[in-house]
Amino acid sequence: MTFGYTRQAYYKHKELEEFRTKRDQNVLEEVRNIRHKQPKVGVRKLHVMLNNLGKPELKIGRDQLFELLARNDMLVKQKRKFTHTTCPDKKATVFPNLLDKKTIDKKNQAWVVDITYLNTCCGFAYLYLITDRYSRKIISFVVANSLHAKHACKALQKAISTVDDPTGIIHHSDHGSQYCSEEYQNILNNNNILCSMTGIAHCYDNAVAERINGILKQEFGLGMTLQSVKVAQELASDAIYIYNHKRLHNALRYKTPCEVHDAL
C-alpha cells in the first residue's frame, strides 16, 4: 500500500495527474495562440475550435475548459456601451421595416448597414459597414474621418460590386441622414435595391449590425484609442478579415461567416 492506495492504483492515479497536467499546458498554449488574433473569444467557441483541430492532446470537456481558464484568470470580461453615430433625418421619406417577421434564408437576400465610431488620438474616425444578414459576412467597409454621406455611398458601391445583380436585395439601416440622402437613395434606386429602415430611435431593430459593431470593438481591439485614422484603417482591415474567416458564430452553428457565405 502507498498513501492508502494499492501500488497499482497509486501509479494509475499518478499517471492520470501527469496526463492532465500536460494536457492543460497544451490547451493553455493553444488558447493563447488563438487569442493572439481573437483576444475576446469565449469558452464555448474555444471548445469548438480546439475540437476542430483534431489533436488528442487538446481533448477537453467544456466544463473542464471553463474551470481551467478560470484558474488561470483567462475568462473573458465583457464590456458593453452604446453611442449614436447617425442623426435621424426627420424630413426624409419614411421607409418600412422590410425585415420585420421576414425569413432570411440565403445570402444577398438582405444587407444590414451601420456606422460605428472609432476613437483616435486625432479625434473620431468612422467605420461604415455593410453585412450580409444571412451569413453575417462583412461584405464592404470604409473607414473615414467624417460622417459625410459620400463615405456611406462608397461602402454601398463596394458592396454592389460583389454581386452580379443586386436587384431585389433588401438594404436595412437606421434613419441616419447618410442613408436618407439623395445621393445614397439614388444609388439604391438605380440598382433596384429595396430600402428598409428601422423605426426612428429603435436601434435594436438593426440588432445584427449593432452586434457586429460590438464584436469588432470588444474582440478585435477597435474599441481602443488608436493612433490615427490610417492605423484605424489598417486595424479594421485586419479585424474584418479575421472576423470573416476565423471567428465562429453561435448563430451559424459554429461556422465562420465566409464558410456559410461561400457554401451557397
C-alpha atoms as a PDB file:
ATOM      1  CA  MET A   1       0.000   0.000   0.000  1.00  0.00           C
ATOM      2  CA  THR A   2       1.161   3.571  -0.812  1.00  0.00           C
ATOM      3  CA  PHE A   3      -0.596   6.506   0.915  1.00  0.00           C
ATOM      4  CA  GLY A   4      -3.719   4.382   1.356  1.00  0.00           C
ATOM      5  CA  TYR A   5      -3.716   3.196  -2.291  1.00  0.00           C
ATOM      6  CA  THR A   6      -2.664  -0.121  -3.757  1.00  0.00           C
ATOM      7  CA  ARG A   7       0.564   0.236  -5.711  1.00  0.00           C
ATOM      8  CA  GLN A   8      -1.331  -0.258  -8.996  1.00  0.00           C
ATOM      9  CA  ALA A   9      -3.973   2.366  -8.108  1.00  0.00           C
ATOM     10  CA  TYR A  10      -1.305   4.799  -6.924  1.00  0.00           C
ATOM     11  CA  TYR A  11       0.636   4.674 -10.195  1.00  0.00           C
ATOM     12  CA  LYS A  12      -2.554   4.835 -12.236  1.00  0.00           C
ATOM     13  CA  HIS A  13      -3.645   7.947 -10.325  1.00  0.00           C
ATOM     14  CA  LYS A  14      -0.182   9.473 -10.715  1.00  0.00           C
ATOM     15  CA  GLU A  15      -0.206   8.755 -14.460  1.00  0.00           C
ATOM     16  CA  LEU A  16      -3.652  10.388 -14.796  1.00  0.00           C
ATOM     17  CA  GLU A  17      -2.495  13.507 -12.928  1.00  0.00           C
ATOM     18  CA  GLU A  18       0.576  13.787 -15.148  1.00  0.00           C
ATOM     19  CA  PHE A  19      -1.609  13.410 -18.248  1.00  0.00           C
ATOM     20  CA  ARG A  20      -3.999  16.144 -17.073  1.00  0.00           C
ATOM     21  CA  THR A  21      -1.138  18.493 -16.224  1.00  0.00           C
ATOM     22  CA  LYS A  22       0.431  18.027 -19.652  1.00  0.00           C
ATOM     23  CA  ARG A  23      -2.955  18.350 -21.402  1.00  0.00           C
ATOM     24  CA  ASP A  24      -3.760  21.526 -19.504  1.00  0.00           C
ATOM     25  CA  GLN A  25      -0.412  23.016 -20.517  1.00  0.00           C
ATOM     26  CA  ASN A  26      -1.105  22.146 -24.177  1.00  0.00           C
ATOM     27  CA  VAL A  27      -4.622  23.575 -24.015  1.00  0.00           C
ATOM     28  CA  LEU A  28      -3.474  26.835 -22.393  1.00  0.00           C
ATOM     29  CA  GLU A  29      -0.752  27.248 -25.005  1.00  0.00           C
ATOM     30  CA  GLU A  30      -3.254  26.728 -27.847  1.00  0.00           C
ATOM     31  CA  VAL A  31      -5.764  29.125 -26.253  1.00  0.00           C
ATOM     32  CA  ARG A  32      -3.028  31.775 -26.102  1.00  0.00           C
ATOM     33  CA  ASN A  33      -2.271  31.152 -29.782  1.00  0.00           C
ATOM     34  CA  ILE A  34      -5.948  31.555 -30.707  1.00  0.00           C
ATOM     35  CA  ARG A  35      -6.361  34.669 -28.586  1.00  0.00           C
ATOM     36  CA  HIS A  36      -3.338  36.287 -30.162  1.00  0.00           C
ATOM     37  CA  LYS A  37      -5.662  37.090 -33.091  1.00  0.00           C
ATOM     38  CA  GLN A  38      -9.039  36.764 -31.339  1.00  0.00           C
ATOM     39  CA  PRO A  39      -8.407  38.171 -27.835  1.00  0.00           C
ATOM     40  CA  LYS A  40     -12.003  38.020 -26.630  1.00  0.00           C
ATOM     41  CA  VAL A  41     -13.124  34.609 -27.883  1.00  0.00           C
ATOM     42  CA  GLY A  42     -15.098  32.839 -25.143  1.00  0.00           C
ATOM     43  CA  VAL A  43     -15.200  29.323 -23.719  1.00  0.00           C
ATOM     44  CA  ARG A  44     -17.872  27.830 -25.972  1.00  0.00           C
ATOM     45  CA  LYS A  45     -16.157  28.864 -29.170  1.00  0.00           C
ATOM     46  CA  LEU A  46     -12.739  27.947 -27.835  1.00  0.00           C
ATOM     47  CA  HIS A  47     -14.067  24.471 -27.065  1.00  0.00           C
ATOM     48  CA  VAL A  48     -15.317  24.050 -30.633  1.00  0.00           C
ATOM     49  CA  MET A  49     -12.086  25.454 -32.088  1.00  0.00           C
ATOM     50  CA  LEU A  50      -9.954  23.082 -30.005  1.00  0.00           C
ATOM     51  CA  ASN A  51     -12.068  20.100 -31.075  1.00  0.00           C
ATOM     52  CA  ASN A  52     -11.851  21.188 -34.722  1.00  0.00           C
ATOM     53  CA  LEU A  53      -8.058  20.916 -34.542  1.00  0.00           C
ATOM     54  CA  GLY A  54      -8.465  17.155 -34.059  1.00  0.00           C
ATOM     55  CA  LYS A  55      -5.478  16.790 -31.717  1.00  0.00           C
ATOM     56  CA  PRO A  56      -5.875  14.149 -28.938  1.00  0.00           C
ATOM     57  CA  GLU A  57      -3.613  16.166 -26.622  1.00  0.00           C
ATOM     58  CA  LEU A  58      -6.166  19.029 -26.740  1.00  0.00           C
ATOM     59  CA  LYS A  59      -9.254  16.956 -25.973  1.00  0.00           C
ATOM     60  CA  ILE A  60     -11.034  18.524 -23.003  1.00  0.00           C
ATOM     61  CA  GLY A  61     -14.632  18.892 -21.854  1.00  0.00           C
ATOM     62  CA  ARG A  62     -16.280  22.313 -21.985  1.00  0.00           C
ATOM     63  CA  ASP A  63     -16.764  22.487 -18.215  1.00  0.00           C
ATOM     64  CA  GLN A  64     -13.149  21.402 -17.682  1.00  0.00           C
ATOM     65  CA  LEU A  65     -12.026  24.114 -20.103  1.00  0.00           C
ATOM     66  CA  PHE A  66     -14.066  26.716 -18.207  1.00  0.00           C
ATOM     67  CA  GLU A  67     -12.510  25.656 -14.884  1.00  0.00           C
ATOM     68  CA  LEU A  68      -9.009  25.639 -16.403  1.00  0.00           C
ATOM     69  CA  LEU A  69      -9.385  29.154 -17.788  1.00  0.00           C
ATOM     70  CA  ALA A  70     -10.924  30.384 -14.529  1.00  0.00           C
ATOM     71  CA  ARG A  71      -7.973  29.019 -12.517  1.00  0.00           C
ATOM     72  CA  ASN A  72      -5.596  30.857 -14.826  1.00  0.00           C
ATOM     73  CA  ASP A  73      -7.615  34.119 -14.877  1.00  0.00           C
ATOM     74  CA  MET A  74      -8.299  33.746 -18.600  1.00  0.00           C
ATOM     75  CA  LEU A  75     -12.070  34.146 -18.699  1.00  0.00           C
ATOM     76  CA  VAL A  76     -13.274  36.994 -20.904  1.00  0.00           C
ATOM     77  CA  LYS A  77     -14.794  40.006 -19.160  1.00  0.00           C
ATOM     78  CA  GLN A  78     -17.460  41.596 -21.352  1.00  0.00           C
ATOM     79  CA  LYS A  79     -17.973  45.350 -21.526  1.00  0.00           C
ATOM     80  CA  ARG A  80     -20.935  46.946 -23.309  1.00  0.00           C
ATOM     81  CA  LYS A  81     -21.720  50.527 -24.226  1.00  0.00           C
ATOM     82  CA  PHE A  82     -23.711  52.254 -26.939  1.00  0.00           C
ATOM     83  CA  THR A  83     -23.030  55.521 -28.756  1.00  0.00           C
ATOM     84  CA  HIS A  84     -25.110  57.093 -31.526  1.00  0.00           C
ATOM     85  CA  THR A  85     -23.247  57.787 -34.768  1.00  0.00           C
ATOM     86  CA  THR A  86     -26.195  58.644 -37.002  1.00  0.00           C
ATOM     87  CA  CYS A  87     -28.648  61.516 -36.671  1.00  0.00           C
ATOM     88  CA  PRO A  88     -32.183  60.770 -37.851  1.00  0.00           C
ATOM     89  CA  ASP A  89     -33.365  62.883 -40.769  1.00  0.00           C
ATOM     90  CA  LYS A  90     -36.930  63.667 -39.698  1.00  0.00           C
ATOM     91  CA  LYS A  91     -37.772  65.305 -43.030  1.00  0.00           C
ATOM     92  CA  ALA A  92     -36.750  62.315 -45.131  1.00  0.00           C
ATOM     93  CA  THR A  93     -39.084  59.717 -46.615  1.00  0.00           C
ATOM     94  CA  VAL A  94     -40.087  57.062 -44.095  1.00  0.00           C
ATOM     95  CA  PHE A  95     -39.371  53.543 -45.359  1.00  0.00           C
ATOM     96  CA  PRO A  96     -40.977  50.446 -43.825  1.00  0.00           C
ATOM     97  CA  ASN A  97     -39.062  47.747 -41.963  1.00  0.00           C
ATOM     98  CA  LEU A  98     -38.988  45.010 -44.620  1.00  0.00           C
ATOM     99  CA  LEU A  99     -37.153  42.600 -42.308  1.00  0.00           C
ATOM    100  CA  ASP A 100     -39.906  42.581 -39.712  1.00  0.00           C
ATOM    101  CA  LYS A 101     -41.135  38.963 -39.474  1.00  0.00           C
ATOM    102  CA  LYS A 102     -39.360  38.096 -42.735  1.00  0.00           C
ATOM    103  CA  THR A 103     -37.394  34.843 -43.012  1.00  0.00           C
ATOM    104  CA  ILE A 104     -33.863  35.361 -44.328  1.00  0.00           C
ATOM    105  CA  ASP A 105     -32.575  32.031 -45.622  1.00  0.00           C
ATOM    106  CA  LYS A 106     -29.931  32.831 -48.253  1.00  0.00           C
ATOM    107  CA  LYS A 107     -27.026  35.164 -48.856  1.00  0.00           C
ATOM    108  CA  ASN A 108     -27.554  38.516 -50.572  1.00  0.00           C
ATOM    109  CA  GLN A 109     -31.227  38.448 -49.646  1.00  0.00           C
ATOM    110  CA  ALA A 110     -30.692  41.273 -47.177  1.00  0.00           C
ATOM    111  CA  TRP A 111     -27.829  43.564 -46.199  1.00  0.00           C
ATOM    112  CA  VAL A 112     -27.703  45.255 -42.803  1.00  0.00           C
ATOM    113  CA  VAL A 113     -25.888  48.569 -42.678  1.00  0.00           C
ATOM    114  CA  ASP A 114     -24.489  50.697 -39.879  1.00  0.00           C
ATOM    115  CA  ILE A 115     -21.811  53.181 -38.841  1.00  0.00           C
ATOM    116  CA  THR A 116     -19.759  52.970 -35.664  1.00  0.00           C
ATOM    117  CA  TYR A 117     -17.227  55.419 -34.261  1.00  0.00           C
ATOM    118  CA  LEU A 118     -13.552  54.647 -33.615  1.00  0.00           C
ATOM    119  CA  ASN A 119     -11.520  56.660 -31.113  1.00  0.00           C
ATOM    120  CA  THR A 120      -8.199  58.025 -32.373  1.00  0.00           C
ATOM    121  CA  CYS A 121      -5.646  60.420 -30.906  1.00  0.00           C
ATOM    122  CA  CYS A 122      -6.768  62.913 -33.568  1.00  0.00           C
ATOM    123  CA  GLY A 123     -10.491  62.644 -32.807  1.00  0.00           C
ATOM    124  CA  PHE A 124     -13.169  60.286 -34.076  1.00  0.00           C
ATOM    125  CA  ALA A 125     -12.925  58.099 -37.150  1.00  0.00           C
ATOM    126  CA  TYR A 126     -15.987  56.288 -38.502  1.00  0.00           C
ATOM    127  CA  LEU A 127     -16.358  52.715 -39.710  1.00  0.00           C
ATOM    128  CA  TYR A 128     -19.068  52.203 -42.357  1.00  0.00           C
ATOM    129  CA  LEU A 129     -20.133  48.557 -42.524  1.00  0.00           C
ATOM    130  CA  ILE A 130     -22.354  46.536 -44.848  1.00  0.00           C
ATOM    131  CA  THR A 131     -23.013  42.965 -43.742  1.00  0.00           C
ATOM    132  CA  ASP A 132     -24.869  40.089 -45.342  1.00  0.00           C
ATOM    133  CA  ARG A 133     -27.754  39.373 -42.961  1.00  0.00           C
ATOM    134  CA  TYR A 134     -27.826  35.611 -43.548  1.00  0.00           C
ATOM    135  CA  SER A 135     -24.137  34.695 -43.393  1.00  0.00           C
ATOM    136  CA  ARG A 136     -23.020  37.587 -41.136  1.00  0.00           C
ATOM    137  CA  LYS A 137     -20.156  38.211 -43.575  1.00  0.00           C
ATOM    138  CA  ILE A 138     -18.961  41.825 -43.745  1.00  0.00           C
ATOM    139  CA  ILE A 139     -19.020  42.409 -47.489  1.00  0.00           C
ATOM    140  CA  SER A 140     -17.955  46.046 -47.527  1.00  0.00           C
ATOM    141  CA  PHE A 141     -16.390  48.604 -45.228  1.00  0.00           C
ATOM    142  CA  VAL A 142     -14.933  52.105 -45.307  1.00  0.00           C
ATOM    143  CA  VAL A 143     -13.016  53.969 -42.586  1.00  0.00           C
ATOM    144  CA  ALA A 144     -13.269  57.765 -42.825  1.00  0.00           C
ATOM    145  CA  ASN A 145     -12.734  60.860 -40.708  1.00  0.00           C
ATOM    146  CA  SER A 146     -16.264  62.252 -41.084  1.00  0.00           C
ATOM    147  CA  LEU A 147     -19.937  61.300 -41.218  1.00  0.00           C
ATOM    148  CA  HIS A 148     -20.374  62.691 -44.730  1.00  0.00           C
ATOM    149  CA  ALA A 149     -22.795  60.706 -46.906  1.00  0.00           C
ATOM    150  CA  LYS A 150     -20.113  60.201 -49.580  1.00  0.00           C
ATOM    151  CA  HIS A 151     -18.380  57.627 -47.360  1.00  0.00           C
ATOM    152  CA  ALA A 152     -21.604  55.650 -46.932  1.00  0.00           C
ATOM    153  CA  CYS A 153     -22.054  55.809 -50.720  1.00  0.00           C
ATOM    154  CA  LYS A 154     -18.541  54.452 -51.242  1.00  0.00           C
ATOM    155  CA  ALA A 155     -19.239  51.488 -48.950  1.00  0.00           C
ATOM    156  CA  LEU A 156     -22.501  50.821 -50.797  1.00  0.00           C
ATOM    157  CA  GLN A 157     -20.826  50.885 -54.210  1.00  0.00           C
ATOM    158  CA  LYS A 158     -18.204  48.440 -52.957  1.00  0.00           C
ATOM    159  CA  ALA A 159     -20.932  46.089 -51.715  1.00  0.00           C
ATOM    160  CA  ILE A 160     -22.799  46.278 -55.022  1.00  0.00           C
ATOM    161  CA  SER A 161     -19.602  45.347 -56.874  1.00  0.00           C
ATOM    162  CA  THR A 162     -19.549  41.973 -55.042  1.00  0.00           C
ATOM    163  CA  VAL A 163     -22.752  40.706 -56.716  1.00  0.00           C
ATOM    164  CA  ASP A 164     -23.710  40.107 -60.349  1.00  0.00           C
ATOM    165  CA  ASP A 165     -27.180  41.589 -59.960  1.00  0.00           C
ATOM    166  CA  PRO A 166     -28.274  43.484 -56.835  1.00  0.00           C
ATOM    167  CA  THR A 167     -31.936  43.624 -57.894  1.00  0.00           C
ATOM    168  CA  GLY A 168     -34.270  42.847 -55.008  1.00  0.00           C
ATOM    169  CA  ILE A 169     -31.690  42.901 -52.226  1.00  0.00           C
ATOM    170  CA  ILE A 170     -33.136  44.397 -49.036  1.00  0.00           C
ATOM    171  CA  HIS A 171     -30.942  47.205 -47.697  1.00  0.00           C
ATOM    172  CA  HIS A 172     -31.708  47.637 -43.989  1.00  0.00           C
ATOM    173  CA  SER A 173     -30.449  50.603 -41.975  1.00  0.00           C
ATOM    174  CA  ASP A 174     -31.497  53.169 -39.417  1.00  0.00           C
ATOM    175  CA  HIS A 175     -32.828  56.621 -40.382  1.00  0.00           C
ATOM    176  CA  GLY A 176     -29.405  58.241 -40.432  1.00  0.00           C
ATOM    177  CA  SER A 177     -29.045  61.252 -42.688  1.00  0.00           C
ATOM    178  CA  GLN A 178     -26.367  59.417 -44.682  1.00  0.00           C
ATOM    179  CA  TYR A 179     -28.826  56.710 -45.733  1.00  0.00           C
ATOM    180  CA  CYS A 180     -31.654  59.169 -46.356  1.00  0.00           C
ATOM    181  CA  SER A 181     -29.508  61.433 -48.538  1.00  0.00           C
ATOM    182  CA  GLU A 182     -30.492  61.935 -52.163  1.00  0.00           C
ATOM    183  CA  GLU A 183     -27.160  60.612 -53.402  1.00  0.00           C
ATOM    184  CA  TYR A 184     -27.458  57.396 -51.384  1.00  0.00           C
ATOM    185  CA  GLN A 185     -31.098  56.802 -52.296  1.00  0.00           C
ATOM    186  CA  ASN A 186     -30.276  57.309 -55.985  1.00  0.00           C
ATOM    187  CA  ILE A 187     -27.714  54.509 -55.830  1.00  0.00           C
ATOM    188  CA  LEU A 188     -30.280  52.189 -54.234  1.00  0.00           C
ATOM    189  CA  ASN A 189     -32.949  53.076 -56.798  1.00  0.00           C
ATOM    190  CA  ASN A 190     -30.616  52.811 -59.785  1.00  0.00           C
ATOM    191  CA  ASN A 191     -29.673  49.286 -58.718  1.00  0.00           C
ATOM    192  CA  ASN A 192     -33.233  48.187 -57.841  1.00  0.00           C
ATOM    193  CA  ILE A 193     -32.270  47.631 -54.203  1.00  0.00           C
ATOM    194  CA  LEU A 194     -35.145  47.731 -51.717  1.00  0.00           C
ATOM    195  CA  CYS A 195     -34.798  50.285 -48.930  1.00  0.00           C
ATOM    196  CA  SER A 196     -35.788  49.096 -45.448  1.00  0.00           C
ATOM    197  CA  MET A 197     -35.385  51.094 -42.248  1.00  0.00           C
ATOM    198  CA  THR A 198     -35.781  50.637 -38.526  1.00  0.00           C
ATOM    199  CA  GLY A 199     -38.284  52.591 -36.524  1.00  0.00           C
ATOM    200  CA  ILE A 200     -36.947  56.018 -35.551  1.00  0.00           C
ATOM    201  CA  ALA A 201     -34.844  55.717 -32.366  1.00  0.00           C
ATOM    202  CA  HIS A 202     -35.239  51.922 -32.443  1.00  0.00           C
ATOM    203  CA  CYS A 203     -31.599  50.856 -32.869  1.00  0.00           C
ATOM    204  CA  TYR A 204     -32.397  47.286 -31.809  1.00  0.00           C
ATOM    205  CA  ASP A 205     -34.435  46.809 -35.000  1.00  0.00           C
ATOM    206  CA  ASN A 206     -30.956  46.512 -36.523  1.00  0.00           C
ATOM    207  CA  ALA A 207     -29.585  44.169 -33.874  1.00  0.00           C
ATOM    208  CA  VAL A 208     -27.311  42.133 -36.160  1.00  0.00           C
ATOM    209  CA  ALA A 209     -25.455  45.227 -37.340  1.00  0.00           C
ATOM    210  CA  GLU A 210     -25.175  46.537 -33.780  1.00  0.00           C
ATOM    211  CA  ARG A 211     -23.895  43.166 -32.584  1.00  0.00           C
ATOM    212  CA  ILE A 212     -21.146  43.146 -35.220  1.00  0.00           C
ATOM    213  CA  ASN A 213     -20.072  46.638 -34.152  1.00  0.00           C
ATOM    214  CA  GLY A 214     -19.684  45.310 -30.621  1.00  0.00           C
ATOM    215  CA  ILE A 215     -17.742  42.241 -31.733  1.00  0.00           C
ATOM    216  CA  LEU A 216     -15.224  44.299 -33.688  1.00  0.00           C
ATOM    217  CA  LYS A 217     -14.685  46.657 -30.750  1.00  0.00           C
ATOM    218  CA  GLN A 218     -14.712  44.178 -27.880  1.00  0.00           C
ATOM    219  CA  GLU A 219     -12.938  41.243 -29.504  1.00  0.00           C
ATOM    220  CA  PHE A 220     -10.631  42.792 -32.096  1.00  0.00           C
ATOM    221  CA  GLY A 221      -9.268  45.936 -30.487  1.00  0.00           C
ATOM    222  CA  LEU A 222     -11.284  48.543 -32.363  1.00  0.00           C
ATOM    223  CA  GLY A 223     -12.620  49.856 -29.066  1.00  0.00           C
ATOM    224  CA  MET A 224      -9.179  51.159 -28.062  1.00  0.00           C
ATOM    225  CA  THR A 225      -7.890  54.662 -28.704  1.00  0.00           C
ATOM    226  CA  LEU A 226      -5.945  54.327 -31.955  1.00  0.00           C
ATOM    227  CA  GLN A 227      -3.002  56.405 -33.073  1.00  0.00           C
ATOM    228  CA  SER A 228      -4.504  57.800 -36.283  1.00  0.00           C
ATOM    229  CA  VAL A 229      -7.153  57.272 -38.955  1.00  0.00           C
ATOM    230  CA  LYS A 230      -4.569  55.372 -41.002  1.00  0.00           C
ATOM    231  CA  VAL A 231      -3.938  52.986 -38.106  1.00  0.00           C
ATOM    232  CA  ALA A 232      -7.712  52.625 -37.704  1.00  0.00           C
ATOM    233  CA  GLN A 233      -7.987  51.665 -41.388  1.00  0.00           C
ATOM    234  CA  GLU A 234      -5.234  49.055 -41.083  1.00  0.00           C
ATOM    235  CA  LEU A 235      -6.584  47.564 -37.863  1.00  0.00           C
ATOM    236  CA  ALA A 236     -10.151  47.491 -39.210  1.00  0.00           C
ATOM    237  CA  SER A 237      -8.975  45.661 -42.333  1.00  0.00           C
ATOM    238  CA  ASP A 238      -7.132  43.026 -40.271  1.00  0.00           C
ATOM    239  CA  ALA A 239     -10.018  42.673 -37.797  1.00  0.00           C
ATOM    240  CA  ILE A 240     -12.628  42.217 -40.517  1.00  0.00           C
ATOM    241  CA  TYR A 241     -10.510  39.597 -42.287  1.00  0.00           C
ATOM    242  CA  ILE A 242     -10.194  37.571 -39.076  1.00  0.00           C
ATOM    243  CA  TYR A 243     -13.879  38.115 -38.268  1.00  0.00           C
ATOM    244  CA  ASN A 244     -14.946  36.849 -41.709  1.00  0.00           C
ATOM    245  CA  HIS A 245     -12.519  33.932 -42.000  1.00  0.00           C
ATOM    246  CA  LYS A 246     -11.709  32.785 -38.461  1.00  0.00           C
ATOM    247  CA  ARG A 247     -14.383  33.766 -35.937  1.00  0.00           C
ATOM    248  CA  LEU A 248     -17.003  31.106 -35.195  1.00  0.00           C
ATOM    249  CA  HIS A 249     -20.622  32.195 -34.683  1.00  0.00           C
ATOM    250  CA  ASN A 250     -23.166  30.512 -32.433  1.00  0.00           C
ATOM    251  CA  ALA A 251     -25.931  31.565 -34.832  1.00  0.00           C
ATOM    252  CA  LEU A 252     -24.075  29.893 -37.716  1.00  0.00           C
ATOM    253  CA  ARG A 253     -23.688  26.607 -35.815  1.00  0.00           C
ATOM    254  CA  TYR A 254     -20.082  27.387 -35.029  1.00  0.00           C
ATOM    255  CA  LYS A 255     -19.017  28.159 -38.570  1.00  0.00           C
ATOM    256  CA  THR A 256     -17.348  31.295 -39.880  1.00  0.00           C
ATOM    257  CA  PRO A 257     -19.215  33.875 -41.990  1.00  0.00           C
ATOM    258  CA  CYS A 258     -17.110  33.019 -45.037  1.00  0.00           C
ATOM    259  CA  GLU A 259     -17.828  29.293 -44.667  1.00  0.00           C
ATOM    260  CA  VAL A 260     -21.563  29.967 -44.707  1.00  0.00           C
ATOM    261  CA  HIS A 261     -21.409  32.657 -47.404  1.00  0.00           C
ATOM    262  CA  ASP A 262     -19.210  30.663 -49.774  1.00  0.00           C
ATOM    263  CA  ALA A 263     -21.166  27.424 -49.321  1.00  0.00           C
ATOM    264  CA  LEU A 264     -24.261  28.859 -51.019  1.00  0.00           C
END
